[in-house]
Amino acid sequence: MLTEANVRARLSKHFPGEQERQISLITDSIRNDLNAIETALNTLATKLNADGGVTDTNYVGVTLVKPGI
């Protein structure tokens, strides 16, 4: 995975100044959203497995691949 600094350095070559800042904010938001979705799905899988009286407890969370973000 590319670091935030690496992404910003790559963007700044093509989108200087304010454009680079705005694109960085967008990629940060996407990264945060993906992390929130991943956390929510893993929490749901844990809850479903812990529910009493449920016979199917093989729910598995997710690991989202986020290359370059």
N, C-alpha and C. Protein backbone atom coordinates (compact mmCIF):
# COMPACT_ATOMS: atom_id res chain seq x y z
N MET A 1 0.85 -1.17 0.00
CA MET A 1 0.00 0.00 0.00
C MET A 1 0.90 1.24 0.00
N LEU A 2 0.51 2.21 -0.78
CA LEU A 2 1.26 3.45 -0.81
C LEU A 2 0.95 4.27 0.43
N THR A 3 1.95 4.93 0.93
CA THR A 3 1.72 5.80 2.08
C THR A 3 1.04 7.09 1.61
N GLU A 4 0.47 7.80 2.54
CA GLU A 4 -0.17 9.08 2.20
C GLU A 4 0.85 10.03 1.58
N ALA A 5 2.06 10.07 2.12
CA ALA A 5 3.10 10.96 1.59
C ALA A 5 3.46 10.57 0.16
N ASN A 6 3.52 9.27 -0.10
CA ASN A 6 3.85 8.80 -1.45
C ASN A 6 2.77 9.20 -2.44
N VAL A 7 1.51 9.03 -2.06
CA VAL A 7 0.40 9.41 -2.93
C VAL A 7 0.44 10.91 -3.21
N ARG A 8 0.65 11.69 -2.17
CA ARG A 8 0.69 13.16 -2.34
C ARG A 8 1.84 13.58 -3.24
N ALA A 9 2.99 12.94 -3.11
CA ALA A 9 4.14 13.26 -3.96
C ALA A 9 3.83 12.95 -5.42
N ARG A 10 3.18 11.82 -5.66
CA ARG A 10 2.81 11.46 -7.03
C ARG A 10 1.78 12.42 -7.62
N LEU A 11 0.80 12.80 -6.80
CA LEU A 11 -0.24 13.71 -7.28
C LEU A 11 0.31 15.11 -7.56
N SER A 12 1.22 15.58 -6.73
CA SER A 12 1.71 16.95 -6.86
C SER A 12 2.44 17.19 -8.18
N LYS A 13 2.96 16.14 -8.79
CA LYS A 13 3.62 16.29 -10.10
C LYS A 13 2.61 16.67 -11.18
N HIS A 14 1.40 16.16 -11.06
CA HIS A 14 0.39 16.37 -12.10
C HIS A 14 -0.67 17.39 -11.69
N PHE A 15 -0.88 17.55 -10.41
CA PHE A 15 -1.91 18.46 -9.90
C PHE A 15 -1.31 19.32 -8.80
N PRO A 16 -0.66 20.39 -9.16
CA PRO A 16 0.01 21.22 -8.14
C PRO A 16 -0.97 22.04 -7.30
N GLY A 17 -0.50 22.38 -6.12
CA GLY A 17 -1.23 23.31 -5.26
C GLY A 17 -2.57 22.81 -4.77
N GLU A 18 -3.58 23.64 -4.98
CA GLU A 18 -4.93 23.38 -4.47
C GLU A 18 -5.52 22.10 -5.06
N GLN A 19 -5.26 21.82 -6.32
CA GLN A 19 -5.78 20.60 -6.94
C GLN A 19 -5.26 19.36 -6.22
N GLU A 20 -3.99 19.34 -5.91
CA GLU A 20 -3.39 18.21 -5.20
C GLU A 20 -4.02 18.06 -3.82
N ARG A 21 -4.24 19.15 -3.14
CA ARG A 21 -4.85 19.12 -1.81
C ARG A 21 -6.26 18.55 -1.87
N GLN A 22 -7.04 18.97 -2.86
CA GLN A 22 -8.41 18.49 -2.99
C GLN A 22 -8.45 17.00 -3.33
N ILE A 23 -7.59 16.56 -4.23
CA ILE A 23 -7.55 15.13 -4.58
C ILE A 23 -7.09 14.32 -3.38
N SER A 24 -6.16 14.83 -2.62
CA SER A 24 -5.72 14.13 -1.41
C SER A 24 -6.86 14.00 -0.40
N LEU A 25 -7.66 15.05 -0.26
CA LEU A 25 -8.81 14.98 0.65
C LEU A 25 -9.81 13.92 0.18
N ILE A 26 -10.00 13.83 -1.13
CA ILE A 26 -10.93 12.82 -1.67
C ILE A 26 -10.40 11.42 -1.40
N THR A 27 -9.12 11.17 -1.66
CA THR A 27 -8.57 9.83 -1.43
C THR A 27 -8.57 9.49 0.06
N ASP A 28 -8.34 10.48 0.92
CA ASP A 28 -8.42 10.26 2.37
C ASP A 28 -9.85 9.87 2.77
N SER A 29 -10.84 10.54 2.19
CA SER A 29 -12.23 10.22 2.49
C SER A 29 -12.58 8.81 2.03
N ILE A 30 -12.10 8.43 0.86
CA ILE A 30 -12.35 7.08 0.36
C ILE A 30 -11.72 6.05 1.28
N ARG A 31 -10.49 6.30 1.69
CA ARG A 31 -9.80 5.38 2.61
C ARG A 31 -10.57 5.25 3.92
N ASN A 32 -11.01 6.36 4.47
CA ASN A 32 -11.76 6.34 5.72
C ASN A 32 -13.09 5.61 5.57
N ASP A 33 -13.77 5.83 4.44
CA ASP A 33 -15.04 5.14 4.20
C ASP A 33 -14.83 3.63 4.09
N LEU A 34 -13.80 3.21 3.36
CA LEU A 34 -13.51 1.78 3.24
C LEU A 34 -13.18 1.16 4.59
N ASN A 35 -12.42 1.87 5.41
CA ASN A 35 -12.11 1.37 6.75
C ASN A 35 -13.37 1.25 7.60
N ALA A 36 -14.27 2.22 7.49
CA ALA A 36 -15.53 2.18 8.25
C ALA A 36 -16.41 1.01 7.80
N ILE A 37 -16.47 0.78 6.49
CA ILE A 37 -17.26 -0.35 5.97
C ILE A 37 -16.67 -1.66 6.47
N GLU A 38 -15.36 -1.78 6.41
CA GLU A 38 -14.69 -3.00 6.86
C GLU A 38 -14.98 -3.26 8.35
N THR A 39 -14.89 -2.22 9.15
CA THR A 39 -15.16 -2.34 10.59
C THR A 39 -16.61 -2.74 10.84
N ALA A 40 -17.54 -2.11 10.12
CA ALA A 40 -18.96 -2.42 10.31
C ALA A 40 -19.26 -3.88 9.93
N LEU A 41 -18.70 -4.35 8.84
CA LEU A 41 -18.95 -5.73 8.42
C LEU A 41 -18.35 -6.73 9.39
N ASN A 42 -17.17 -6.44 9.90
CA ASN A 42 -16.55 -7.34 10.88
C ASN A 42 -17.33 -7.34 12.19
N THR A 43 -17.85 -6.19 12.60
CA THR A 43 -18.68 -6.10 13.81
C THR A 43 -19.97 -6.89 13.62
N LEU A 44 -20.57 -6.78 12.45
CA LEU A 44 -21.80 -7.53 12.16
C LEU A 44 -21.54 -9.04 12.21
N ALA A 45 -20.45 -9.49 11.62
CA ALA A 45 -20.13 -10.92 11.63
C ALA A 45 -19.94 -11.41 13.07
N THR A 46 -19.27 -10.62 13.89
CA THR A 46 -19.06 -10.98 15.29
C THR A 46 -20.39 -11.07 16.03
N LYS A 47 -21.27 -10.09 15.79
CA LYS A 47 -22.59 -10.09 16.44
C LYS A 47 -23.41 -11.30 16.02
N LEU A 48 -23.42 -11.60 14.73
CA LEU A 48 -24.20 -12.73 14.25
C LEU A 48 -23.71 -14.04 14.84
N ASN A 49 -22.41 -14.18 14.99
CA ASN A 49 -21.85 -15.39 15.58
C ASN A 49 -22.15 -15.50 17.07
N ALA A 50 -22.34 -14.37 17.73
CA ALA A 50 -22.57 -14.37 19.18
C ALA A 50 -24.05 -14.48 19.55
N ASP A 51 -24.95 -14.31 18.59
CA ASP A 51 -26.39 -14.37 18.89
C ASP A 51 -26.76 -15.74 19.43
N GLY A 52 -27.45 -15.73 20.56
CA GLY A 52 -27.88 -16.98 21.18
C GLY A 52 -28.97 -17.66 20.37
N GLY A 53 -28.94 -18.99 20.37
CA GLY A 53 -29.96 -19.76 19.68
C GLY A 53 -29.77 -19.87 18.19
N VAL A 54 -28.68 -19.33 17.67
CA VAL A 54 -28.42 -19.40 16.24
C VAL A 54 -27.54 -20.61 15.97
N THR A 55 -27.97 -21.43 15.03
CA THR A 55 -27.19 -22.65 14.75
C THR A 55 -26.10 -22.41 13.73
N ASP A 56 -26.28 -21.44 12.84
CA ASP A 56 -25.26 -21.15 11.83
C ASP A 56 -24.38 -20.01 12.35
N THR A 57 -23.21 -20.35 12.83
CA THR A 57 -22.31 -19.33 13.39
C THR A 57 -20.97 -19.34 12.67
N ASN A 58 -21.03 -19.42 11.38
CA ASN A 58 -19.80 -19.42 10.58
C ASN A 58 -19.59 -18.12 9.82
N TYR A 59 -20.14 -17.04 10.34
CA TYR A 59 -19.99 -15.76 9.67
C TYR A 59 -18.56 -15.26 9.81
N VAL A 60 -18.03 -14.78 8.71
CA VAL A 60 -16.66 -14.29 8.69
C VAL A 60 -16.69 -12.85 8.22
N GLY A 61 -15.90 -12.02 8.84
CA GLY A 61 -15.80 -10.63 8.43
C GLY A 61 -15.06 -10.50 7.11
N VAL A 62 -14.71 -9.31 6.77
CA VAL A 62 -14.04 -9.06 5.48
C VAL A 62 -12.70 -8.40 5.71
N THR A 63 -11.87 -8.52 4.72
CA THR A 63 -10.63 -7.75 4.65
C THR A 63 -10.62 -7.11 3.29
N LEU A 64 -10.81 -5.81 3.25
CA LEU A 64 -10.84 -5.10 1.97
C LEU A 64 -9.43 -4.78 1.54
N VAL A 65 -9.14 -5.07 0.29
CA VAL A 65 -7.84 -4.73 -0.27
C VAL A 65 -7.93 -3.31 -0.78
N LYS A 66 -7.03 -2.46 -0.31
CA LYS A 66 -7.08 -1.04 -0.65
C LYS A 66 -5.73 -0.59 -1.23
N PRO A 67 -5.34 -1.14 -2.36
CA PRO A 67 -4.03 -0.79 -2.89
C PRO A 67 -3.99 0.67 -3.36
N GLY A 68 -2.94 1.32 -3.01
CA GLY A 68 -2.72 2.67 -3.50
C GLY A 68 -3.61 3.74 -2.94
N ILE A 69 -4.38 3.40 -1.91
CA ILE A 69 -5.26 4.42 -1.32
C ILE A 69 -4.81 4.64 0.11
